Each structure stands twice: as structure tokens, then as C-alpha cells.
Amino acid sequence: MARRFIFSSESVGEGHPDKVCDTISDAILDACLEQDRNSRVACETFAKSHTVIVG
């Protein structure tokens, strides 16, 4: 029996807080991998009201 899937995705424009947060998280990951190729990193970045939290 064939399985049915619904594919959906979200897209945000340049400057959107989600995109800014992704860029920050990516930069942190890149810096870790630059120092240790075997790094394992979990990084979440949140932005609201002119405040950025990295955890």
C-alpha cells in the first residue's frame, strides 16, 4: 500500500528574526568545527525586542 505524505515548508525573508538567529547559530557551529572537526554542538538562538539569547 502506498503511503501518502504532505510536504510543507516555511520561508522567511532576509532580516527576519528567524533568519538572523539561524545565521548566529551557524556561525557558532562553524567556529566550533573550525577548532575541532569532531565537535558536537547543540545551539539555539532566540531574538525578541532587541534582545538575543544563545543557549
PDB file of N, CA and C in Angstrom:
ATOM      1  N   MET A   1       0.840  -1.179   0.000  1.00  0.00           N
ATOM      2  CA  MET A   1       0.000   0.000   0.000  1.00  0.00           C
ATOM      3  C   MET A   1       0.891   1.250   0.000  1.00  0.00           C
ATOM      4  N   ALA A   2       0.629   2.149  -0.890  1.00  0.00           N
ATOM      5  CA  ALA A   2       1.415   3.383  -0.990  1.00  0.00           C
ATOM      6  C   ALA A   2       1.098   4.307   0.184  1.00  0.00           C
ATOM      7  N   ARG A   3       2.156   4.893   0.747  1.00  0.00           N
ATOM      8  CA  ARG A   3       1.963   5.840   1.845  1.00  0.00           C
ATOM      9  C   ARG A   3       1.873   7.242   1.272  1.00  0.00           C
ATOM     10  N   ARG A   4       1.003   8.040   1.833  1.00  0.00           N
ATOM     11  CA  ARG A   4       0.829   9.418   1.373  1.00  0.00           C
ATOM     12  C   ARG A   4       1.469  10.365   2.376  1.00  0.00           C
ATOM     13  N   PHE A   5       2.155  11.350   1.851  1.00  0.00           N
ATOM     14  CA  PHE A   5       2.809  12.346   2.682  1.00  0.00           C
ATOM     15  C   PHE A   5       2.381  13.734   2.234  1.00  0.00           C
ATOM     16  N   ILE A   6       2.310  14.632   3.183  1.00  0.00           N
ATOM     17  CA  ILE A   6       2.084  16.044   2.875  1.00  0.00           C
ATOM     18  C   ILE A   6       3.377  16.767   3.225  1.00  0.00           C
ATOM     19  N   PHE A   7       3.954  17.436   2.243  1.00  0.00           N
ATOM     20  CA  PHE A   7       5.195  18.175   2.448  1.00  0.00           C
ATOM     21  C   PHE A   7       4.866  19.646   2.613  1.00  0.00           C
ATOM     22  N   SER A   8       5.428  20.256   3.642  1.00  0.00           N
ATOM     23  CA  SER A   8       5.246  21.697   3.819  1.00  0.00           C
ATOM     24  C   SER A   8       6.581  22.295   4.252  1.00  0.00           C
ATOM     25  N   SER A   9       6.750  23.571   3.984  1.00  0.00           N
ATOM     26  CA  SER A   9       7.967  24.254   4.406  1.00  0.00           C
ATOM     27  C   SER A   9       7.649  25.714   4.689  1.00  0.00           C
ATOM     28  N   GLU A  10       8.529  26.311   5.457  1.00  0.00           N
ATOM     29  CA  GLU A  10       8.361  27.712   5.822  1.00  0.00           C
ATOM     30  C   GLU A  10       9.519  28.489   5.218  1.00  0.00           C
ATOM     31  N   SER A  11       9.242  29.664   4.735  1.00  0.00           N
ATOM     32  CA  SER A  11      10.287  30.504   4.166  1.00  0.00           C
ATOM     33  C   SER A  11      10.137  31.911   4.728  1.00  0.00           C
ATOM     34  N   VAL A  12      11.257  32.475   5.157  1.00  0.00           N
ATOM     35  CA  VAL A  12      11.226  33.842   5.686  1.00  0.00           C
ATOM     36  C   VAL A  12      12.203  34.695   4.896  1.00  0.00           C
ATOM     37  N   GLY A  13      11.940  35.978   4.858  1.00  0.00           N
ATOM     38  CA  GLY A  13      12.776  36.901   4.095  1.00  0.00           C
ATOM     39  C   GLY A  13      14.019  37.327   4.860  1.00  0.00           C
ATOM     40  N   GLU A  14      14.945  37.929   4.129  1.00  0.00           N
ATOM     41  CA  GLU A  14      16.187  38.426   4.711  1.00  0.00           C
ATOM     42  C   GLU A  14      15.873  39.452   5.800  1.00  0.00           C
ATOM     43  N   GLY A  15      16.568  39.359   6.917  1.00  0.00           N
ATOM     44  CA  GLY A  15      16.355  40.286   8.023  1.00  0.00           C
ATOM     45  C   GLY A  15      15.307  39.823   9.016  1.00  0.00           C
ATOM     46  N   HIS A  16      14.573  38.773   8.679  1.00  0.00           N
ATOM     47  CA  HIS A  16      13.574  38.219   9.597  1.00  0.00           C
ATOM     48  C   HIS A  16      14.303  37.650  10.819  1.00  0.00           C
ATOM     49  N   PRO A  17      13.752  37.808  12.025  1.00  0.00           N
ATOM     50  CA  PRO A  17      14.437  37.311  13.229  1.00  0.00           C
ATOM     51  C   PRO A  17      14.840  35.835  13.148  1.00  0.00           C
ATOM     52  N   ASP A  18      14.024  34.987  12.529  1.00  0.00           N
ATOM     53  CA  ASP A  18      14.386  33.570  12.400  1.00  0.00           C
ATOM     54  C   ASP A  18      15.658  33.403  11.575  1.00  0.00           C
ATOM     55  N   LYS A  19      15.769  34.166  10.508  1.00  0.00           N
ATOM     56  CA  LYS A  19      16.951  34.072   9.644  1.00  0.00           C
ATOM     57  C   LYS A  19      18.185  34.596  10.382  1.00  0.00           C
ATOM     58  N   VAL A  20      18.033  35.672  11.139  1.00  0.00           N
ATOM     59  CA  VAL A  20      19.145  36.227  11.916  1.00  0.00           C
ATOM     60  C   VAL A  20      19.605  35.201  12.956  1.00  0.00           C
ATOM     61  N   CYS A  21      18.664  34.580  13.637  1.00  0.00           N
ATOM     62  CA  CYS A  21      19.005  33.573  14.644  1.00  0.00           C
ATOM     63  C   CYS A  21      19.713  32.379  14.010  1.00  0.00           C
ATOM     64  N   ASP A  22      19.244  31.933  12.855  1.00  0.00           N
ATOM     65  CA  ASP A  22      19.904  30.828  12.147  1.00  0.00           C
ATOM     66  C   ASP A  22      21.335  31.190  11.775  1.00  0.00           C
ATOM     67  N   THR A  23      21.552  32.424  11.348  1.00  0.00           N
ATOM     68  CA  THR A  23      22.896  32.877  10.972  1.00  0.00           C
ATOM     69  C   THR A  23      23.830  32.866  12.182  1.00  0.00           C
ATOM     70  N   ILE A  24      23.328  33.312  13.326  1.00  0.00           N
ATOM     71  CA  ILE A  24      24.132  33.310  14.555  1.00  0.00           C
ATOM     72  C   ILE A  24      24.476  31.881  14.960  1.00  0.00           C
ATOM     73  N   SER A  25      23.488  30.998  14.970  1.00  0.00           N
ATOM     74  CA  SER A  25      23.724  29.598  15.334  1.00  0.00           C
ATOM     75  C   SER A  25      24.713  28.941  14.378  1.00  0.00           C
ATOM     76  N   ASP A  26      24.578  29.208  13.087  1.00  0.00           N
ATOM     77  CA  ASP A  26      25.504  28.653  12.089  1.00  0.00           C
ATOM     78  C   ASP A  26      26.933  29.135  12.325  1.00  0.00           C
ATOM     79  N   ALA A  27      27.092  30.412  12.676  1.00  0.00           N
ATOM     80  CA  ALA A  27      28.432  30.961  12.922  1.00  0.00           C
ATOM     81  C   ALA A  27      29.075  30.297  14.140  1.00  0.00           C
ATOM     82  N   ILE A  28      28.277  30.033  15.167  1.00  0.00           N
ATOM     83  CA  ILE A  28      28.796  29.359  16.362  1.00  0.00           C
ATOM     84  C   ILE A  28      29.225  27.934  16.015  1.00  0.00           C
ATOM     85  N   LEU A  29      28.395  27.230  15.266  1.00  0.00           N
ATOM     86  CA  LEU A  29      28.742  25.875  14.835  1.00  0.00           C
ATOM     87  C   LEU A  29      30.016  25.877  13.997  1.00  0.00           C
ATOM     88  N   ASP A  30      30.117  26.799  13.046  1.00  0.00           N
ATOM     89  CA  ASP A  30      31.316  26.893  12.204  1.00  0.00           C
ATOM     90  C   ASP A  30      32.572  27.128  13.044  1.00  0.00           C
ATOM     91  N   ALA A  31      32.474  27.991  14.053  1.00  0.00           N
ATOM     92  CA  ALA A  31      33.625  28.279  14.913  1.00  0.00           C
ATOM     93  C   ALA A  31      34.038  27.039  15.705  1.00  0.00           C
ATOM     94  N   CYS A  32      33.073  26.287  16.187  1.00  0.00           N
ATOM     95  CA  CYS A  32      33.383  25.057  16.925  1.00  0.00           C
ATOM     96  C   CYS A  32      34.034  24.025  16.015  1.00  0.00           C
ATOM     97  N   LEU A  33      33.482  23.845  14.818  1.00  0.00           N
ATOM     98  CA  LEU A  33      34.031  22.867  13.877  1.00  0.00           C
ATOM     99  C   LEU A  33      35.416  23.267  13.375  1.00  0.00           C
ATOM    100  N   GLU A  34      35.674  24.569  13.327  1.00  0.00           N
ATOM    101  CA  GLU A  34      36.991  25.047  12.902  1.00  0.00           C
ATOM    102  C   GLU A  34      38.069  24.622  13.904  1.00  0.00           C
ATOM    103  N   GLN A  35      37.702  24.618  15.184  1.00  0.00           N
ATOM    104  CA  GLN A  35      38.661  24.237  16.219  1.00  0.00           C
ATOM    105  C   GLN A  35      38.727  22.731  16.417  1.00  0.00           C
ATOM    106  N   ASP A  36      37.601  22.033  16.203  1.00  0.00           N
ATOM    107  CA  ASP A  36      37.559  20.578  16.386  1.00  0.00           C
ATOM    108  C   ASP A  36      36.543  19.995  15.415  1.00  0.00           C
ATOM    109  N   ARG A  37      37.037  19.322  14.375  1.00  0.00           N
ATOM    110  CA  ARG A  37      36.168  18.768  13.327  1.00  0.00           C
ATOM    111  C   ARG A  37      35.159  17.758  13.872  1.00  0.00           C
ATOM    112  N   ASN A  38      35.436  17.197  15.050  1.00  0.00           N
ATOM    113  CA  ASN A  38      34.534  16.203  15.641  1.00  0.00           C
ATOM    114  C   ASN A  38      33.600  16.813  16.683  1.00  0.00           C
ATOM    115  N   SER A  39      33.486  18.128  16.685  1.00  0.00           N
ATOM    116  CA  SER A  39      32.608  18.809  17.646  1.00  0.00           C
ATOM    117  C   SER A  39      31.169  18.339  17.500  1.00  0.00           C
ATOM    118  N   ARG A  40      30.497  18.308  18.627  1.00  0.00           N
ATOM    119  CA  ARG A  40      29.049  18.068  18.643  1.00  0.00           C
ATOM    120  C   ARG A  40      28.436  19.267  19.351  1.00  0.00           C
ATOM    121  N   VAL A  41      27.594  19.974  18.646  1.00  0.00           N
ATOM    122  CA  VAL A  41      27.089  21.245  19.163  1.00  0.00           C
ATOM    123  C   VAL A  41      25.569  21.283  19.076  1.00  0.00           C
ATOM    124  N   ALA A  42      24.950  21.699  20.164  1.00  0.00           N
ATOM    125  CA  ALA A  42      23.520  21.996  20.163  1.00  0.00           C
ATOM    126  C   ALA A  42      23.407  23.471  20.527  1.00  0.00           C
ATOM    127  N   CYS A  43      22.925  24.269  19.609  1.00  0.00           N
ATOM    128  CA  CYS A  43      22.886  25.714  19.822  1.00  0.00           C
ATOM    129  C   CYS A  43      21.525  26.248  19.386  1.00  0.00           C
ATOM    130  N   GLU A  44      20.845  26.895  20.303  1.00  0.00           N
ATOM    131  CA  GLU A  44      19.570  27.541  19.991  1.00  0.00           C
ATOM    132  C   GLU A  44      19.743  29.039  20.193  1.00  0.00           C
ATOM    133  N   THR A  45      19.224  29.816  19.271  1.00  0.00           N
ATOM    134  CA  THR A  45      19.312  31.270  19.366  1.00  0.00           C
ATOM    135  C   THR A  45      17.902  31.846  19.280  1.00  0.00           C
ATOM    136  N   PHE A  46      17.592  32.737  20.197  1.00  0.00           N
ATOM    137  CA  PHE A  46      16.272  33.354  20.271  1.00  0.00           C
ATOM    138  C   PHE A  46      16.423  34.870  20.192  1.00  0.00           C
ATOM    139  N   ALA A  47      15.492  35.546  19.539  1.00  0.00           N
ATOM    140  CA  ALA A  47      15.534  37.008  19.455  1.00  0.00           C
ATOM    141  C   ALA A  47      14.140  37.577  19.694  1.00  0.00           C
ATOM    142  N   LYS A  48      14.087  38.621  20.528  1.00  0.00           N
ATOM    143  CA  LYS A  48      12.822  39.313  20.780  1.00  0.00           C
ATOM    144  C   LYS A  48      13.133  40.667  21.393  1.00  0.00           C
ATOM    145  N   SER A  49      12.473  41.667  20.903  1.00  0.00           N
ATOM    146  CA  SER A  49      12.560  43.015  21.482  1.00  0.00           C
ATOM    147  C   SER A  49      13.999  43.490  21.673  1.00  0.00           C
ATOM    148  N   HIS A  50      14.796  43.445  20.627  1.00  0.00           N
ATOM    149  CA  HIS A  50      16.178  43.929  20.653  1.00  0.00           C
ATOM    150  C   HIS A  50      17.074  43.141  21.603  1.00  0.00           C
ATOM    151  N   THR A  51      16.691  41.907  21.918  1.00  0.00           N
ATOM    152  CA  THR A  51      17.480  41.036  22.782  1.00  0.00           C
ATOM    153  C   THR A  51      17.720  39.718  22.064  1.00  0.00           C
ATOM    154  N   VAL A  52      18.959  39.220  22.130  1.00  0.00           N
ATOM    155  CA  VAL A  52      19.300  37.921  21.551  1.00  0.00           C
ATOM    156  C   VAL A  52      19.828  37.038  22.668  1.00  0.00           C
ATOM    157  N   ILE A  53      19.307  35.821  22.749  1.00  0.00           N
ATOM    158  CA  ILE A  53      19.739  34.845  23.746  1.00  0.00           C
ATOM    159  C   ILE A  53      20.266  33.624  23.006  1.00  0.00           C
ATOM    160  N   VAL A  54      21.469  33.203  23.368  1.00  0.00           N
ATOM    161  CA  VAL A  54      22.060  31.999  22.780  1.00  0.00           C
ATOM    162  C   VAL A  54      22.173  30.966  23.888  1.00  0.00           C
ATOM    163  N   GLY A  55      21.641  29.789  23.622  1.00  0.00           N
ATOM    164  CA  GLY A  55      21.680  28.743  24.653  1.00  0.00           C
ATOM    165  C   GLY A  55      21.968  27.398  24.077  1.00  0.00           C
TER     166      GLY A  55
END
